[in-house]
Each structure stands twice: as structure tokens, then as C-alpha cells.
N, C-alpha and C. Protein backbone atom coordinates (compact mmCIF):
# COMPACT_ATOMS: atom_id res chain seq x y z
N MET A 1 -156.69 185.58 14.76
CA MET A 1 -157.90 186.46 15.08
C MET A 1 -158.48 186.88 14.28
N LYS A 2 -159.75 186.85 14.38
CA LYS A 2 -160.95 187.31 13.36
C LYS A 2 -160.95 189.34 13.36
N LEU A 3 -160.37 189.67 12.12
CA LEU A 3 -160.93 191.39 12.71
C LEU A 3 -162.39 191.69 12.12
N SER A 4 -162.94 192.47 13.16
CA SER A 4 -163.93 192.79 12.90
C SER A 4 -164.40 193.96 11.45
N ALA A 5 -165.75 193.96 11.48
CA ALA A 5 -166.17 195.33 10.00
C ALA A 5 -165.04 197.00 10.17
N ASP A 6 -164.85 197.06 11.86
CA ASP A 6 -164.69 198.33 12.30
C ASP A 6 -163.64 197.82 12.68
N GLN A 7 -162.15 197.48 12.56
CA GLN A 7 -161.35 196.76 12.96
C GLN A 7 -160.58 197.30 11.26
N VAL A 8 -161.73 196.51 10.23
CA VAL A 8 -160.91 196.77 8.93
C VAL A 8 -161.31 198.36 8.26
N ASP A 9 -162.06 198.97 9.03
CA ASP A 9 -162.24 200.46 8.50
C ASP A 9 -160.91 201.15 9.30
N ILE A 10 -160.33 200.62 10.44
CA ILE A 10 -159.44 201.82 10.86
C ILE A 10 -158.22 201.24 10.39
N ILE A 11 -158.17 199.95 9.70
CA ILE A 11 -156.77 199.54 9.18
C ILE A 11 -156.91 200.62 7.77
N ARG A 12 -157.84 200.67 7.17
CA ARG A 12 -157.97 201.45 5.54
C ARG A 12 -158.47 202.80 6.17
N GLU A 13 -158.37 203.61 7.25
CA GLU A 13 -158.21 204.96 7.75
C GLU A 13 -156.41 204.88 7.98
N PHE A 14 -156.17 203.93 8.75
CA PHE A 14 -154.78 203.98 8.76
C PHE A 14 -153.89 204.14 7.76
N ILE A 15 -154.35 203.48 6.43
CA ILE A 15 -153.58 203.63 4.90
C ILE A 15 -153.67 204.73 4.08
N ALA A 16 -154.52 205.16 4.32
CA ALA A 16 -155.05 206.89 3.72
C ALA A 16 -154.57 207.47 4.39
N ALA A 17 -154.34 207.68 5.47
CA ALA A 17 -153.20 208.92 6.08
C ALA A 17 -152.34 208.38 6.55
N SER A 18 -151.85 207.23 5.68
CA SER A 18 -150.06 207.16 5.52
C SER A 18 -149.65 207.86 4.54
N GLY A 19 -150.40 208.53 3.07
CA GLY A 19 -149.63 209.07 2.34
C GLY A 19 -149.79 208.30 0.97
N ILE A 20 -150.18 207.03 1.28
CA ILE A 20 -150.11 206.33 -0.09
C ILE A 20 -151.49 206.82 -0.80
N ARG A 21 -151.26 207.00 -1.91
CA ARG A 21 -152.31 207.29 -2.91
C ARG A 21 -152.61 206.50 -3.52
N MET A 22 -152.06 205.09 -4.77
CA MET A 22 -152.28 204.54 -5.41
C MET A 22 -153.41 203.37 -4.56
N GLU A 23 -154.79 203.64 -5.68
CA GLU A 23 -155.07 202.78 -4.46
C GLU A 23 -155.19 200.86 -4.51
N SER A 24 -154.01 200.31 -5.84
CA SER A 24 -153.80 199.37 -6.10
C SER A 24 -153.28 198.94 -4.19
N LEU A 25 -152.03 200.10 -4.61
CA LEU A 25 -151.00 199.70 -3.76
C LEU A 25 -151.69 199.78 -2.37
N GLN A 26 -152.61 200.43 -1.79
CA GLN A 26 -153.59 200.37 -0.76
C GLN A 26 -154.57 199.08 -0.69
N ALA A 27 -155.12 198.50 -1.76
CA ALA A 27 -155.63 197.08 -0.98
C ALA A 27 -155.01 196.15 -1.14
N ASP A 28 -153.51 196.28 -1.67
CA ASP A 28 -152.16 194.96 -1.46
C ASP A 28 -152.29 195.53 -0.05
N VAL A 29 -151.67 196.76 0.75
CA VAL A 29 -151.16 197.31 2.35
C VAL A 29 -152.68 196.80 3.21
N LEU A 30 -153.77 196.95 2.60
CA LEU A 30 -154.57 196.69 3.42
C LEU A 30 -154.99 195.43 3.26
N ASP A 31 -154.56 193.77 2.19
CA ASP A 31 -154.59 192.88 2.77
C ASP A 31 -154.02 192.20 3.47
N HIS A 32 -152.59 192.61 3.74
CA HIS A 32 -151.68 192.19 3.81
C HIS A 32 -151.03 192.49 5.79
N LEU A 33 -151.62 193.20 5.75
CA LEU A 33 -152.30 194.19 6.94
C LEU A 33 -152.91 193.19 8.61
N CYS A 34 -154.29 193.06 7.06
CA CYS A 34 -155.20 192.50 7.61
C CYS A 34 -154.37 191.34 8.15
N CYS A 35 -154.51 190.54 7.01
CA CYS A 35 -153.48 188.58 7.40
C CYS A 35 -152.57 188.50 8.29
N VAL A 36 -151.64 189.76 8.67
CA VAL A 36 -150.83 189.29 9.48
C VAL A 36 -151.28 189.73 11.14
N LEU A 37 -152.27 190.53 11.48
CA LEU A 37 -153.40 191.35 12.50
C LEU A 37 -153.92 189.35 13.12
N GLU A 38 -154.51 189.04 11.30
CA GLU A 38 -155.78 187.78 12.09
C GLU A 38 -154.42 187.18 12.58
N ASP A 39 -153.20 186.93 11.52
CA ASP A 39 -152.24 185.57 12.49
C ASP A 39 -151.22 186.06 13.22
N SER A 40 -151.63 186.80 14.15
CA SER A 40 -150.78 187.96 15.15
C SER A 40 -151.34 186.55 16.15
N LYS A 41 -150.14 186.47 16.65
CA LYS A 41 -149.98 185.41 18.33
C LYS A 41 -150.58 186.60 19.33
N GLU A 42 -149.73 188.42 19.40
CA GLU A 42 -149.74 189.29 20.45
C GLU A 42 -150.89 189.25 20.70
N THR A 43 -150.35 189.12 22.60
CA THR A 43 -151.70 189.11 22.81
C THR A 43 -151.38 190.35 24.27
N ASN A 44 -150.32 190.93 24.30
CA ASN A 44 -150.21 191.49 25.24
C ASN A 44 -150.42 193.71 24.77
N LEU A 45 -150.31 193.85 23.74
CA LEU A 45 -151.09 194.84 23.04
C LEU A 45 -152.27 195.28 21.94
N ASN A 46 -152.77 196.11 22.61
CA ASN A 46 -154.14 196.79 21.85
C ASN A 46 -154.09 196.58 20.54
N PHE A 47 -155.46 196.54 19.71
CA PHE A 47 -155.22 196.64 18.59
C PHE A 47 -154.25 198.02 17.46
N GLN A 48 -154.52 198.57 18.17
CA GLN A 48 -153.40 200.14 17.67
C GLN A 48 -152.30 199.96 17.49
N ALA A 49 -151.50 199.09 18.49
CA ALA A 49 -150.41 199.51 18.66
C ALA A 49 -149.62 197.75 18.11
N ARG A 50 -150.57 196.91 17.63
CA ARG A 50 -150.04 195.94 16.63
C ARG A 50 -150.67 196.45 15.13
N LEU A 51 -151.32 197.51 14.77
CA LEU A 51 -151.35 197.56 13.55
C LEU A 51 -150.32 198.14 13.14
N GLN A 52 -149.84 199.39 14.38
CA GLN A 52 -148.32 199.68 14.08
C GLN A 52 -147.36 199.10 13.86
N GLN A 53 -147.08 198.11 15.03
CA GLN A 53 -146.13 196.88 14.56
C GLN A 53 -145.71 196.47 13.69
N ALA A 54 -146.93 196.08 12.49
CA ALA A 54 -147.09 195.38 11.64
C ALA A 54 -146.72 196.37 10.41
N ALA A 55 -147.42 197.44 10.01
CA ALA A 55 -146.87 198.63 9.76
C ALA A 55 -145.47 199.07 9.60
N GLU A 56 -144.99 198.74 10.53
CA GLU A 56 -143.65 199.06 10.37
C GLU A 56 -142.83 198.29 10.31
N ASP A 57 -143.53 196.68 10.39
CA ASP A 57 -142.69 195.33 9.62
C ASP A 57 -142.36 195.16 8.56
N LEU A 58 -143.27 195.99 7.63
CA LEU A 58 -143.95 195.84 6.36
C LEU A 58 -142.94 196.79 5.69
N ALA A 59 -143.12 197.86 5.85
CA ALA A 59 -141.96 199.50 5.53
C ALA A 59 -141.86 200.10 6.50
N PRO A 60 -140.31 199.58 7.37
CA PRO A 60 -139.73 200.13 8.80
C PRO A 60 -139.75 201.78 8.58
N GLU A 61 -139.18 202.35 6.89
CA GLU A 61 -139.37 203.45 6.63
C GLU A 61 -140.73 204.32 6.26
N GLY A 62 -141.86 203.60 5.98
CA GLY A 62 -142.76 204.47 6.17
C GLY A 62 -143.46 204.01 5.36
N LEU A 63 -144.75 203.61 5.19
CA LEU A 63 -145.65 203.26 4.05
C LEU A 63 -145.51 203.98 2.88
N GLU A 64 -145.11 205.12 3.25
CA GLU A 64 -145.30 206.49 2.10
C GLU A 64 -144.01 205.60 0.97
N LYS A 65 -142.98 206.04 1.45
CA LYS A 65 -141.51 204.97 1.49
C LYS A 65 -142.26 203.84 0.46
N LEU A 66 -142.99 203.27 0.79
CA LEU A 66 -143.24 201.77 -0.23
C LEU A 66 -143.92 202.20 -1.10
N GLU A 67 -144.68 203.25 -1.14
CA GLU A 67 -145.55 203.67 -2.26
C GLU A 67 -144.34 204.17 -3.82
N THR A 68 -143.38 205.19 -2.61
CA THR A 68 -142.16 205.50 -3.50
C THR A 68 -141.32 204.75 -4.47
N GLU A 69 -140.91 203.05 -3.66
CA GLU A 69 -140.31 202.48 -4.14
C GLU A 69 -141.17 201.47 -5.23
N THR A 70 -142.33 201.63 -5.27
CA THR A 70 -143.73 200.47 -6.22
C THR A 70 -144.14 201.87 -7.25
N VAL A 71 -143.57 202.74 -7.18
CA VAL A 71 -143.67 203.94 -8.30
C VAL A 71 -142.33 203.80 -9.01
N PHE A 72 -141.03 203.87 -8.57
CA PHE A 72 -139.88 203.71 -9.30
C PHE A 72 -140.38 203.21 -9.71
N LEU A 73 -140.38 201.20 -9.08
CA LEU A 73 -140.32 199.83 -9.86
C LEU A 73 -141.23 200.06 -10.96
N LEU A 74 -142.69 200.49 -10.88
CA LEU A 74 -143.31 200.38 -12.15
C LEU A 74 -142.71 202.18 -13.58
N ASN A 75 -141.92 202.81 -12.97
CA ASN A 75 -141.57 203.34 -14.10
C ASN A 75 -139.97 203.15 -14.40
N SER A 76 -138.89 202.30 -13.84
CA SER A 76 -138.30 201.16 -13.92
C SER A 76 -137.72 201.93 -15.96
N LYS A 77 -136.92 202.11 -16.56
CA LYS A 77 -136.82 202.23 -17.26
C LYS A 77 -136.80 200.50 -17.94
N LYS A 78 -135.49 199.93 -17.54
CA LYS A 78 -135.74 198.56 -17.88
C LYS A 78 -137.32 197.85 -17.46
N ILE A 79 -138.00 198.71 -16.27
CA ILE A 79 -139.52 197.69 -15.95
C ILE A 79 -140.09 198.75 -17.62
N VAL A 80 -140.25 199.18 -18.27
CA VAL A 80 -141.02 199.80 -18.88
C VAL A 80 -140.90 199.19 -20.45
N GLN A 81 -139.56 198.32 -20.79
CA GLN A 81 -138.58 198.19 -21.68
C GLN A 81 -139.45 196.83 -21.77
N MET A 82 -139.41 196.69 -20.66
CA MET A 82 -139.50 194.60 -21.12
C MET A 82 -140.88 194.49 -20.58
N LYS A 83 -141.92 195.50 -20.10
CA LYS A 83 -143.53 195.83 -20.57
C LYS A 83 -143.42 196.02 -21.85
N LYS A 84 -142.95 196.70 -22.39
CA LYS A 84 -143.14 197.01 -24.07
C LYS A 84 -142.91 195.37 -24.98
N LEU A 85 -141.95 195.01 -24.31
CA LEU A 85 -141.88 193.80 -24.96
C LEU A 85 -142.48 192.71 -24.91
N MET A 86 -143.23 192.66 -23.70
CA MET A 86 -144.61 191.77 -23.27
C MET A 86 -145.25 192.15 -24.25
N TYR A 87 -146.25 193.13 -24.11
CA TYR A 87 -147.34 193.30 -24.78
C TYR A 87 -147.20 193.38 -26.06
N LEU A 88 -145.57 193.58 -26.71
CA LEU A 88 -145.79 193.13 -28.36
C LEU A 88 -145.80 191.66 -28.31
N PHE A 89 -144.86 190.86 -27.18
CA PHE A 89 -145.25 189.94 -27.64
C PHE A 89 -146.51 188.81 -27.93
N GLY A 90 -147.17 189.52 -26.91
CA GLY A 90 -149.10 188.75 -26.96
C GLY A 90 -149.55 189.56 -27.84
N LEU A 91 -149.59 191.15 -28.54
CA LEU A 91 -149.95 191.53 -29.80
C LEU A 91 -150.04 190.46 -30.47
N GLY A 92 -148.10 190.19 -30.69
CA GLY A 92 -148.10 189.24 -32.30
C GLY A 92 -148.56 188.29 -32.15
N SER A 93 -148.86 187.24 -30.88
CA SER A 93 -149.14 186.21 -30.41
C SER A 93 -151.02 186.14 -31.15
N SER A 94 -151.77 187.29 -30.54
CA SER A 94 -152.88 187.16 -30.42
C SER A 94 -153.18 187.81 -31.79
N ILE A 95 -152.42 188.00 -32.46
CA ILE A 95 -152.79 188.14 -34.47
C ILE A 95 -152.83 187.00 -34.72
N ALA A 96 -151.24 186.80 -34.34
CA ALA A 96 -151.43 185.35 -34.87
C ALA A 96 -152.29 183.96 -34.90
N LEU A 97 -152.86 183.91 -33.68
CA LEU A 97 -153.83 182.62 -33.31
C LEU A 97 -155.23 182.77 -34.50
N ALA A 98 -155.62 184.52 -34.28
CA ALA A 98 -157.13 185.16 -34.70
C ALA A 98 -156.83 184.78 -36.35
N MET A 99 -155.71 185.50 -36.72
CA MET A 99 -155.42 184.88 -38.11
C MET A 99 -154.67 183.39 -38.66
N GLY A 100 -154.30 182.62 -37.60
CA GLY A 100 -154.37 180.69 -37.94
C GLY A 100 -156.02 180.42 -38.04
N ILE A 101 -156.79 180.81 -36.71
CA ILE A 101 -158.30 180.26 -36.97
C ILE A 101 -158.74 180.60 -38.07
N CYS A 102 -158.82 181.38 -38.43
CA CYS A 102 -159.06 182.01 -39.32
C CYS A 102 -159.10 181.20 -41.16
N PHE A 103 -157.43 181.41 -40.67
CA PHE A 103 -157.07 180.85 -42.15
C PHE A 103 -156.92 178.89 -42.66
N LYS A 104 -157.23 178.64 -41.46
CA LYS A 104 -157.71 177.53 -40.65
C LYS A 104 -159.34 176.76 -41.32
N LEU A 105 -160.02 177.71 -40.59
CA LEU A 105 -161.65 178.16 -41.10
C LEU A 105 -161.82 177.96 -42.78
N LEU A 106 -161.16 178.46 -43.37
CA LEU A 106 -161.02 179.17 -44.97
C LEU A 106 -160.42 178.32 -45.42
N HIS A 107 -159.46 176.77 -44.56
CA HIS A 107 -158.43 175.79 -45.22
C HIS A 107 -157.79 176.42 -46.55
N TRP A 108 -157.09 177.35 -46.06
CA TRP A 108 -156.02 178.19 -46.93
C TRP A 108 -154.79 178.04 -46.03
N PRO A 109 -153.68 178.07 -47.09
CA PRO A 109 -152.18 177.36 -46.48
C PRO A 109 -151.75 178.57 -45.51
N GLY A 110 -150.58 178.29 -44.76
CA GLY A 110 -150.76 178.81 -43.41
C GLY A 110 -151.53 178.79 -42.09
N GLY A 111 -152.56 178.50 -42.13
CA GLY A 111 -152.81 178.69 -40.72
C GLY A 111 -152.17 177.47 -39.83
N ASP A 112 -152.38 176.17 -39.89
CA ASP A 112 -151.02 175.25 -39.02
C ASP A 112 -150.23 176.51 -38.75
N GLU A 113 -149.17 177.02 -39.12
CA GLU A 113 -148.36 177.94 -39.15
C GLU A 113 -148.52 178.80 -38.02
N LEU A 114 -149.58 179.17 -38.80
CA LEU A 114 -149.31 180.55 -37.52
C LEU A 114 -150.56 180.44 -35.99
N LEU A 115 -151.20 179.02 -35.88
CA LEU A 115 -151.50 178.75 -34.77
C LEU A 115 -150.28 178.17 -34.31
N THR A 116 -149.44 177.31 -35.11
CA THR A 116 -147.97 176.86 -33.96
C THR A 116 -147.36 178.41 -33.17
N TYR A 117 -146.83 179.44 -33.82
CA TYR A 117 -146.17 180.19 -33.65
C TYR A 117 -147.52 181.18 -32.46
N GLY A 118 -148.72 181.31 -32.88
CA GLY A 118 -149.47 181.87 -31.72
C GLY A 118 -149.01 181.09 -30.40
N PHE A 119 -149.14 179.99 -30.11
CA PHE A 119 -149.51 178.97 -29.32
C PHE A 119 -148.21 179.16 -28.73
N ILE A 120 -146.95 179.29 -29.30
CA ILE A 120 -146.04 179.04 -29.09
C ILE A 120 -145.26 180.03 -27.82
N SER A 121 -145.84 180.75 -28.96
CA SER A 121 -145.62 182.87 -28.15
C SER A 121 -146.38 182.80 -27.49
N PHE A 122 -147.58 182.36 -27.34
CA PHE A 122 -148.32 183.31 -26.11
C PHE A 122 -148.09 182.05 -24.88
N THR A 123 -147.99 180.89 -24.90
CA THR A 123 -147.62 179.91 -24.10
C THR A 123 -145.72 179.69 -23.69
N LEU A 124 -144.89 180.49 -24.22
CA LEU A 124 -143.78 180.31 -23.40
C LEU A 124 -142.95 181.64 -23.64
N LEU A 125 -143.87 182.35 -23.71
CA LEU A 125 -143.07 183.71 -23.53
C LEU A 125 -144.13 184.76 -22.95
N PHE A 126 -145.33 184.98 -23.50
CA PHE A 126 -146.43 186.13 -23.13
C PHE A 126 -146.91 186.61 -21.65
N LEU A 127 -147.01 184.56 -21.81
CA LEU A 127 -147.80 183.79 -19.95
C LEU A 127 -147.22 184.14 -19.39
N PRO A 128 -145.48 183.62 -19.74
CA PRO A 128 -144.86 183.65 -18.36
C PRO A 128 -144.60 184.63 -18.17
N MET A 129 -144.37 185.81 -19.09
CA MET A 129 -143.88 187.10 -18.60
C MET A 129 -144.62 188.07 -17.85
N THR A 130 -145.72 187.57 -17.90
CA THR A 130 -146.93 188.49 -17.81
C THR A 130 -147.45 188.16 -16.20
N MET A 131 -147.36 186.48 -15.86
CA MET A 131 -147.04 185.73 -14.63
C MET A 131 -146.02 186.54 -13.40
N ILE A 132 -144.92 186.61 -14.23
CA ILE A 132 -143.55 187.37 -13.76
C ILE A 132 -143.75 188.77 -13.31
N ASP A 133 -144.44 189.03 -13.92
CA ASP A 133 -144.76 190.99 -13.95
C ASP A 133 -145.79 190.91 -12.82
N LYS A 134 -146.38 190.42 -12.80
CA LYS A 134 -147.78 189.98 -11.51
C LYS A 134 -147.31 189.59 -10.28
N PHE A 135 -146.24 188.77 -10.46
CA PHE A 135 -146.14 188.36 -9.10
C PHE A 135 -144.84 189.21 -8.51
N LYS A 136 -144.26 190.39 -9.11
CA LYS A 136 -143.58 190.86 -8.44
C LYS A 136 -143.95 192.16 -7.93
N LEU A 137 -145.20 191.86 -7.89
CA LEU A 137 -145.99 193.66 -7.72
C LEU A 137 -146.97 193.13 -6.70
N LYS A 138 -146.65 191.79 -5.89
CA LYS A 138 -147.65 190.93 -4.79
C LYS A 138 -147.08 191.82 -3.82
N ILE A 139 -147.38 191.73 -3.10
CA ILE A 139 -146.25 192.94 -1.84
C ILE A 139 -146.48 191.74 -0.42
N GLN A 140 -145.75 191.03 -0.24
CA GLN A 140 -145.75 190.00 1.12
C GLN A 140 -147.07 189.73 1.49
N LYS A 141 -147.90 188.76 0.01
CA LYS A 141 -149.29 188.23 0.06
C LYS A 141 -148.72 187.23 1.44
N SER A 142 -150.17 186.91 2.03
CA SER A 142 -150.64 185.38 2.68
C SER A 142 -150.11 184.28 1.75
N LEU A 143 -149.96 183.29 2.60
CA LEU A 143 -149.42 182.18 1.59
C LEU A 143 -150.72 181.57 1.16
N SER A 144 -151.83 181.39 1.25
CA SER A 144 -152.93 180.88 0.29
C SER A 144 -152.70 182.05 -1.08
N GLU A 145 -152.26 183.40 -1.09
CA GLU A 145 -152.30 184.10 -2.16
C GLU A 145 -151.80 184.03 -2.85
N LYS A 146 -150.31 183.68 -2.89
CA LYS A 146 -149.21 183.00 -3.07
C LYS A 146 -149.78 181.96 -4.14
N LEU A 147 -149.93 181.12 -2.93
CA LEU A 147 -150.18 179.42 -3.78
C LEU A 147 -151.47 179.60 -4.59
N ARG A 148 -152.27 180.80 -4.64
CA ARG A 148 -153.51 180.45 -5.84
C ARG A 148 -152.71 181.42 -7.11
N PHE A 149 -151.59 182.13 -7.03
CA PHE A 149 -151.60 182.41 -7.71
C PHE A 149 -150.50 182.02 -8.91
N ILE A 150 -150.02 180.98 -8.02
CA ILE A 150 -148.59 180.10 -8.71
C ILE A 150 -149.40 179.06 -9.18
N LEU A 151 -150.90 178.22 -8.03
CA LEU A 151 -151.67 177.10 -9.64
C LEU A 151 -152.00 177.34 -10.37
N GLY A 152 -152.66 178.97 -10.05
CA GLY A 152 -153.69 179.39 -11.30
C GLY A 152 -152.52 179.37 -12.34
N SER A 153 -151.16 180.39 -12.46
CA SER A 153 -150.03 180.41 -13.69
C SER A 153 -149.42 178.96 -13.68
N LEU A 154 -150.12 177.82 -13.08
CA LEU A 154 -149.28 176.73 -13.68
C LEU A 154 -150.75 175.86 -14.27
N SER A 155 -151.59 175.86 -14.21
CA SER A 155 -152.71 175.43 -14.75
C SER A 155 -152.89 176.08 -15.96
N ALA A 156 -152.54 177.67 -15.96
CA ALA A 156 -153.02 178.22 -17.42
C ALA A 156 -151.99 177.54 -18.94
N ILE A 157 -150.10 177.81 -18.00
CA ILE A 157 -149.50 177.18 -18.73
C ILE A 157 -149.58 175.13 -19.12
N LEU A 158 -149.84 175.18 -18.20
CA LEU A 158 -149.93 173.53 -19.02
C LEU A 158 -151.37 173.42 -19.55
N THR A 159 -152.02 173.81 -19.51
CA THR A 159 -152.95 173.98 -20.46
C THR A 159 -153.05 174.61 -21.84
N GLY A 160 -152.22 175.60 -22.01
CA GLY A 160 -151.54 176.33 -23.26
C GLY A 160 -151.01 174.89 -24.06
N LEU A 161 -149.11 174.46 -23.47
CA LEU A 161 -148.58 173.32 -23.76
C LEU A 161 -149.24 172.26 -24.45
N ALA A 162 -150.49 172.08 -23.71
CA ALA A 162 -150.91 170.78 -24.31
C ALA A 162 -152.21 171.46 -25.55
N VAL A 163 -152.52 172.64 -25.59
CA VAL A 163 -152.92 172.73 -26.76
C VAL A 163 -152.12 172.43 -27.68
N LEU A 164 -150.65 173.00 -27.83
CA LEU A 164 -149.94 173.21 -28.30
C LEU A 164 -149.21 171.76 -28.61
N PHE A 165 -149.76 171.32 -28.16
CA PHE A 165 -148.36 169.47 -28.59
C PHE A 165 -149.98 169.15 -29.24
N LYS A 166 -150.46 169.22 -29.28
CA LYS A 166 -152.04 168.64 -29.95
C LYS A 166 -152.05 169.39 -31.59
N LEU A 167 -152.17 170.42 -31.49
CA LEU A 167 -151.79 170.70 -33.01
C LEU A 167 -150.34 170.31 -34.03
N LEU A 168 -149.62 170.01 -32.56
CA LEU A 168 -148.54 169.44 -33.72
C LEU A 168 -148.21 167.64 -33.60
N HIS A 169 -149.19 167.36 -32.56
CA HIS A 169 -148.96 165.75 -32.67
C HIS A 169 -148.49 164.97 -32.04
N LEU A 170 -147.84 166.26 -31.35
CA LEU A 170 -146.70 165.55 -29.93
C LEU A 170 -147.34 164.67 -29.18
N GLN A 171 -146.65 163.59 -28.65
CA GLN A 171 -146.99 162.78 -27.56
C GLN A 171 -147.27 163.75 -26.22
N GLY A 172 -147.64 163.50 -25.52
CA GLY A 172 -147.78 164.08 -23.49
C GLY A 172 -148.79 165.20 -24.02
N SER A 173 -149.81 165.52 -24.54
CA SER A 173 -150.84 166.62 -24.58
C SER A 173 -151.56 166.00 -23.75
N ASP A 174 -152.30 165.33 -23.87
CA ASP A 174 -152.85 164.11 -22.76
C ASP A 174 -153.27 164.31 -21.50
N PHE A 175 -152.27 164.26 -20.79
CA PHE A 175 -151.42 163.99 -20.04
C PHE A 175 -151.18 165.33 -19.34
N MET A 176 -150.93 166.59 -19.90
CA MET A 176 -151.06 168.23 -20.07
C MET A 176 -151.97 168.60 -19.71
N LEU A 177 -152.95 168.33 -20.55
CA LEU A 177 -154.06 168.64 -20.50
C LEU A 177 -154.65 168.59 -19.13
N LEU A 178 -154.63 167.29 -18.95
CA LEU A 178 -155.31 166.48 -17.73
C LEU A 178 -155.01 167.02 -16.58
N SER A 179 -153.32 167.07 -16.82
CA SER A 179 -152.53 167.86 -14.96
C SER A 179 -153.23 169.60 -14.93
N GLY A 180 -152.91 170.02 -16.29
CA GLY A 180 -153.43 171.58 -15.90
C GLY A 180 -155.19 171.22 -15.51
N ALA A 181 -156.53 170.56 -15.65
CA ALA A 181 -157.29 170.98 -15.81
C ALA A 181 -157.40 169.59 -13.99
N VAL A 182 -156.44 169.06 -12.96
CA VAL A 182 -156.81 169.34 -12.44
C VAL A 182 -156.17 169.90 -11.14
N VAL A 183 -154.82 170.78 -11.57
CA VAL A 183 -154.34 171.43 -11.22
C VAL A 183 -155.52 172.66 -10.83
N PHE A 184 -156.28 173.45 -12.03
CA PHE A 184 -157.27 173.90 -11.79
C PHE A 184 -158.26 174.01 -11.30
N SER A 185 -158.89 172.51 -10.92
CA SER A 185 -160.10 171.89 -9.65
C SER A 185 -159.76 171.80 -8.99
N PHE A 186 -158.54 171.99 -8.43
CA PHE A 186 -158.61 171.08 -7.33
C PHE A 186 -157.33 171.83 -5.96
N GLY A 187 -156.62 172.87 -7.26
CA GLY A 187 -155.85 173.54 -6.74
C GLY A 187 -156.24 174.95 -6.37
N PHE A 188 -156.26 175.33 -7.71
CA PHE A 188 -156.59 177.19 -8.06
C PHE A 188 -157.80 177.82 -8.08
N LEU A 189 -159.36 177.22 -7.80
CA LEU A 189 -160.79 176.92 -7.49
C LEU A 189 -160.84 177.15 -5.74
N PRO A 190 -159.92 175.90 -5.10
CA PRO A 190 -160.64 176.11 -4.05
C PRO A 190 -159.75 177.43 -3.14
N PHE A 191 -159.36 177.72 -3.47
CA PHE A 191 -157.95 178.88 -2.92
C PHE A 191 -158.74 180.05 -3.20
N LEU A 192 -159.11 180.16 -5.14
CA LEU A 192 -159.86 180.95 -4.99
C LEU A 192 -161.48 181.83 -5.05
N PHE A 193 -162.00 180.35 -4.28
CA PHE A 193 -163.85 180.20 -3.90
C PHE A 193 -163.05 180.91 -2.13
N PHE A 194 -162.30 180.43 -1.37
CA PHE A 194 -161.64 180.72 -0.19
C PHE A 194 -161.88 181.96 -0.03
N THR A 195 -160.83 182.60 -1.06
CA THR A 195 -160.72 184.28 -0.53
C THR A 195 -161.34 184.65 -1.00
N ASN A 196 -162.44 184.52 -2.00
CA ASN A 196 -163.38 185.50 -1.95
C ASN A 196 -164.35 184.89 -1.18
N TYR A 197 -164.60 183.70 -0.74
CA TYR A 197 -165.48 183.65 0.55
C TYR A 197 -165.34 184.53 2.15
N LYS A 198 -164.33 184.05 2.24
CA LYS A 198 -163.47 185.22 3.81
C LYS A 198 -163.89 186.95 2.96
N LYS A 199 -163.23 186.88 2.00
CA LYS A 199 -163.78 188.57 1.76
C LYS A 199 -164.99 188.84 1.85
N ALA A 200 -166.04 188.02 1.08
CA ALA A 200 -167.13 188.21 1.64
C ALA A 200 -168.01 188.40 2.86
N VAL A 201 -167.59 187.41 4.00
CA VAL A 201 -168.03 187.34 5.16
C VAL A 201 -166.90 188.55 6.04
N GLU A 202 -166.35 188.83 5.47
CA GLU A 202 -165.76 190.39 6.48
C GLU A 202 -166.52 191.54 6.04
N ARG A 203 -167.18 191.56 4.81
CA ARG A 203 -167.89 192.97 4.35
C ARG A 203 -169.05 192.78 5.00
N THR A 204 -170.30 191.62 5.62
CA THR A 204 -170.52 190.75 6.23
C THR A 204 -170.72 191.24 7.41
N PHE A 205 -170.00 191.36 7.85
CA PHE A 205 -169.84 191.38 9.22
C PHE A 205 -168.14 192.86 9.86
């Protein structure tokens, strides 16, 4: 069932009245509830009752409790430590890539080593850690949202590994580069444009 713009506004007001203050969480909950209500086969209940039921299925203890758990997750000591480590890897790999490119252009020794270290740490450490961190914060997304995220992550890792294999003159780089391009073009992009089109249509009507 296609939700109208008025119904989407009702859901947005319902979420705001629930006590959730985090805008990012409000957007995630709105997206989830809209997907559930559009996919719902229940016809015996009115819209308000179905909305209440969907909210209770998502957060039996209330949406405000959902925010409390999210804040705890974001501020957990282990999570904070992991984020610090993740961004240290990101900083180190980015510096290594930038200096490696600079050294290569200037024909200075060490350029290949810096580029190799940068691509290895960025592709095999920072990128997967970032994707895991982002995926954990996705609350019960629709199947299309999950597939878009997974396919985008897979294409990025394949492309990064292909560049690394090229730098190291290893076999398989062409296959990985082609695989990354195929996954990105025929997997990630269709889901991305479909989602954006769906949101644009919802805003129009």
C-alpha cells in the first residue's frame, strides 16, 4: 500500500511525539515504519492502529527506549575505543597514500612502499571497520536498503583490492576491478537510484 504525504507526516509527528530527539534516529525510524506500513497486508485495522502496532513491533518498550539503547551503543567504552582505532587507521592510511603519490611524482625512494601500506590499511582495515560501524547503526532496514549497503561495500573493497594488486603486480587485479565495476554498476547503482526515486515520488505526492 502506497502511503500518502499526509500519512508520512502523521508518522513523522508520531515519532517526534514519542520522545526521540536524535534527528538521525528519527529519520531511520521514519524510514522503517514507512516500509513496514507499505508492505503490511493487514486491512482490518485503520492507519493509526497499524502505525501503533508497527511501532510496538520495532520497540516493544517504546521508541524512547530505542533512543536510549542507541545512545548507549554510540557511547559505549568499547565502541569509542574501536572508533578511535578506526579513525587512526583512516588517518594513517590517508597520509601514507598522499605522501606515496607525492614521492612517486617526485621520483623519491619509498613511494611504492607508502602507496602499498596506504592501500592495504585503507582497503583491508579502515574500509571494512567503517562499513561494520555504519551497518550496526542501521535499524531493521528494508531488504533493498540492506542490499544497497552490502553491494556498495563489496564494490568498494573489490576496487580497492584491484588497485592494490595492480601496484604489487599481482595476478587477479583485472578480474577484481571488473567484478567491482559490475557490482557497482548493476548492483549498487540500481538500488541507489530506485531508493532516491521512491523518496522523490513520496515528497511530490
